[in-house]
């Protein structure tokens, strides 16, 4: 019985560790994506005026 509880605890701990690692990788990828935007001076959309002048 103790072995089953120990195996369950190891499995639970491993699952929690894997989940934390996945969350960390997602957070790091978000940070890297935001850092990529720093290369661009302006990300505002370009507006083109097409109305006739009166």
N, C-alpha and C. Protein backbone atom coordinates (compact mmCIF):
# COMPACT_ATOMS: atom_id res chain seq x y z
N UNK A 1 0.83 -1.19 0.00
CA UNK A 1 0.00 0.00 0.00
C UNK A 1 0.87 1.26 0.00
N UNK A 2 1.96 1.20 0.77
CA UNK A 2 2.84 2.37 0.82
C UNK A 2 3.50 2.61 -0.53
N UNK A 3 3.78 1.52 -1.24
CA UNK A 3 4.42 1.65 -2.55
C UNK A 3 3.47 2.33 -3.53
N UNK A 4 2.19 1.98 -3.47
CA UNK A 4 1.21 2.61 -4.35
C UNK A 4 1.09 4.10 -4.06
N UNK A 5 1.08 4.47 -2.80
CA UNK A 5 1.01 5.89 -2.45
C UNK A 5 2.27 6.61 -2.91
N UNK A 6 3.41 5.98 -2.76
CA UNK A 6 4.66 6.57 -3.20
C UNK A 6 4.69 6.74 -4.72
N UNK A 7 4.24 5.73 -5.46
CA UNK A 7 4.16 5.84 -6.92
C UNK A 7 3.19 6.94 -7.34
N UNK A 8 2.07 7.03 -6.67
CA UNK A 8 1.10 8.08 -6.98
C UNK A 8 1.71 9.45 -6.71
N UNK A 9 2.44 9.60 -5.63
CA UNK A 9 3.08 10.87 -5.30
C UNK A 9 4.13 11.24 -6.35
N UNK A 10 4.93 10.27 -6.78
CA UNK A 10 5.92 10.52 -7.83
C UNK A 10 5.25 10.93 -9.14
N UNK A 11 4.18 10.23 -9.49
CA UNK A 11 3.46 10.54 -10.72
C UNK A 11 2.86 11.93 -10.65
N UNK A 12 2.26 12.26 -9.54
CA UNK A 12 1.67 13.59 -9.36
C UNK A 12 2.74 14.67 -9.42
N UNK A 13 3.86 14.43 -8.76
CA UNK A 13 4.96 15.40 -8.77
C UNK A 13 5.53 15.59 -10.16
N UNK A 14 5.69 14.50 -10.90
CA UNK A 14 6.21 14.59 -12.26
C UNK A 14 5.24 15.35 -13.16
N UNK A 15 3.95 15.09 -13.02
CA UNK A 15 2.94 15.78 -13.82
C UNK A 15 2.93 17.27 -13.52
N UNK A 16 3.05 17.63 -12.26
CA UNK A 16 3.08 19.05 -11.88
C UNK A 16 4.33 19.71 -12.43
N UNK A 17 5.45 19.01 -12.42
CA UNK A 17 6.70 19.55 -12.94
C UNK A 17 6.61 19.78 -14.44
N UNK A 18 6.03 18.84 -15.16
CA UNK A 18 5.86 18.98 -16.61
C UNK A 18 4.94 20.15 -16.93
N UNK A 19 3.85 20.28 -16.18
CA UNK A 19 2.92 21.38 -16.40
C UNK A 19 3.60 22.72 -16.15
N UNK A 20 4.39 22.83 -15.12
CA UNK A 20 5.12 24.07 -14.81
C UNK A 20 6.11 24.38 -15.93
N UNK A 21 6.79 23.37 -16.44
CA UNK A 21 7.74 23.58 -17.52
C UNK A 21 7.05 24.08 -18.78
N UNK A 22 5.90 23.54 -19.09
CA UNK A 22 5.14 23.98 -20.27
C UNK A 22 4.71 25.43 -20.10
N UNK A 23 4.23 25.79 -18.92
CA UNK A 23 3.83 27.17 -18.66
C UNK A 23 5.02 28.11 -18.77
N UNK A 24 6.19 27.69 -18.29
CA UNK A 24 7.39 28.53 -18.38
C UNK A 24 7.81 28.74 -19.84
N UNK A 25 7.72 27.69 -20.64
CA UNK A 25 8.09 27.80 -22.05
C UNK A 25 7.14 28.76 -22.77
N UNK A 26 5.85 28.69 -22.46
CA UNK A 26 4.89 29.61 -23.07
C UNK A 26 5.19 31.04 -22.68
N UNK A 27 5.52 31.28 -21.42
CA UNK A 27 5.83 32.63 -20.95
C UNK A 27 7.10 33.15 -21.62
N UNK A 28 8.10 32.31 -21.76
CA UNK A 28 9.34 32.74 -22.41
C UNK A 28 9.09 33.06 -23.88
N UNK A 29 8.26 32.28 -24.54
CA UNK A 29 7.98 32.55 -25.95
C UNK A 29 7.21 33.86 -26.11
N UNK A 30 6.32 34.17 -25.17
CA UNK A 30 5.61 35.46 -25.21
C UNK A 30 6.60 36.61 -25.02
N UNK A 31 7.52 36.47 -24.09
CA UNK A 31 8.51 37.52 -23.85
C UNK A 31 9.39 37.73 -25.08
N UNK A 32 9.79 36.64 -25.73
CA UNK A 32 10.62 36.76 -26.92
C UNK A 32 9.87 37.43 -28.06
N UNK A 33 8.59 37.15 -28.17
CA UNK A 33 7.79 37.77 -29.22
C UNK A 33 7.67 39.28 -28.98
N UNK A 34 7.49 39.68 -27.74
CA UNK A 34 7.41 41.10 -27.42
C UNK A 34 8.75 41.77 -27.68
N UNK A 35 9.86 41.10 -27.38
CA UNK A 35 11.19 41.66 -27.65
C UNK A 35 11.42 41.86 -29.14
N UNK A 36 10.85 40.99 -29.97
CA UNK A 36 10.99 41.14 -31.42
C UNK A 36 10.34 42.43 -31.90
N UNK A 37 9.26 42.86 -31.26
CA UNK A 37 8.58 44.08 -31.67
C UNK A 37 9.41 45.32 -31.38
N UNK A 38 10.37 45.25 -30.49
CA UNK A 38 11.21 46.40 -30.18
C UNK A 38 12.09 46.81 -31.36
N UNK A 39 12.31 45.93 -32.32
CA UNK A 39 13.12 46.24 -33.49
C UNK A 39 12.42 47.23 -34.41
N UNK A 40 11.09 47.25 -34.38
CA UNK A 40 10.34 48.10 -35.28
C UNK A 40 10.08 49.45 -34.61
N UNK A 41 10.33 50.56 -35.32
CA UNK A 41 10.15 51.87 -34.70
C UNK A 41 8.69 52.24 -34.47
N UNK A 42 7.80 51.83 -35.36
CA UNK A 42 6.41 52.24 -35.24
C UNK A 42 5.53 51.13 -35.82
N UNK A 43 4.59 50.68 -35.04
CA UNK A 43 3.70 49.62 -35.51
C UNK A 43 2.30 50.13 -35.80
N UNK A 44 2.13 51.45 -35.90
CA UNK A 44 0.82 51.99 -36.21
C UNK A 44 0.47 51.70 -37.67
N UNK A 45 -0.80 51.49 -37.96
CA UNK A 45 -1.18 51.21 -39.35
C UNK A 45 -1.00 52.45 -40.23
N UNK A 46 -0.70 52.22 -41.48
CA UNK A 46 -0.52 53.30 -42.43
C UNK A 46 -1.90 53.68 -42.95
N UNK A 47 -2.21 54.98 -42.91
CA UNK A 47 -3.51 55.47 -43.38
C UNK A 47 -3.28 56.21 -44.68
N UNK A 48 -4.02 55.81 -45.70
CA UNK A 48 -3.90 56.46 -46.99
C UNK A 48 -5.19 57.23 -47.25
N UNK A 49 -5.06 58.53 -47.53
CA UNK A 49 -6.22 59.39 -47.77
C UNK A 49 -6.53 59.36 -49.26
N UNK A 50 -7.76 58.96 -49.60
CA UNK A 50 -8.13 58.81 -50.99
C UNK A 50 -9.25 59.77 -51.39
N UNK A 51 -9.69 60.65 -50.52
CA UNK A 51 -10.76 61.58 -50.83
C UNK A 51 -10.24 62.70 -51.74
N UNK A 52 -11.11 63.23 -52.56
CA UNK A 52 -10.73 64.33 -53.45
C UNK A 52 -10.65 65.62 -52.65
N UNK A 53 -9.72 66.48 -53.05
CA UNK A 53 -9.63 67.78 -52.41
C UNK A 53 -10.64 68.72 -53.07
N UNK A 54 -11.33 69.52 -52.26
CA UNK A 54 -12.33 70.43 -52.84
C UNK A 54 -11.92 71.86 -52.67
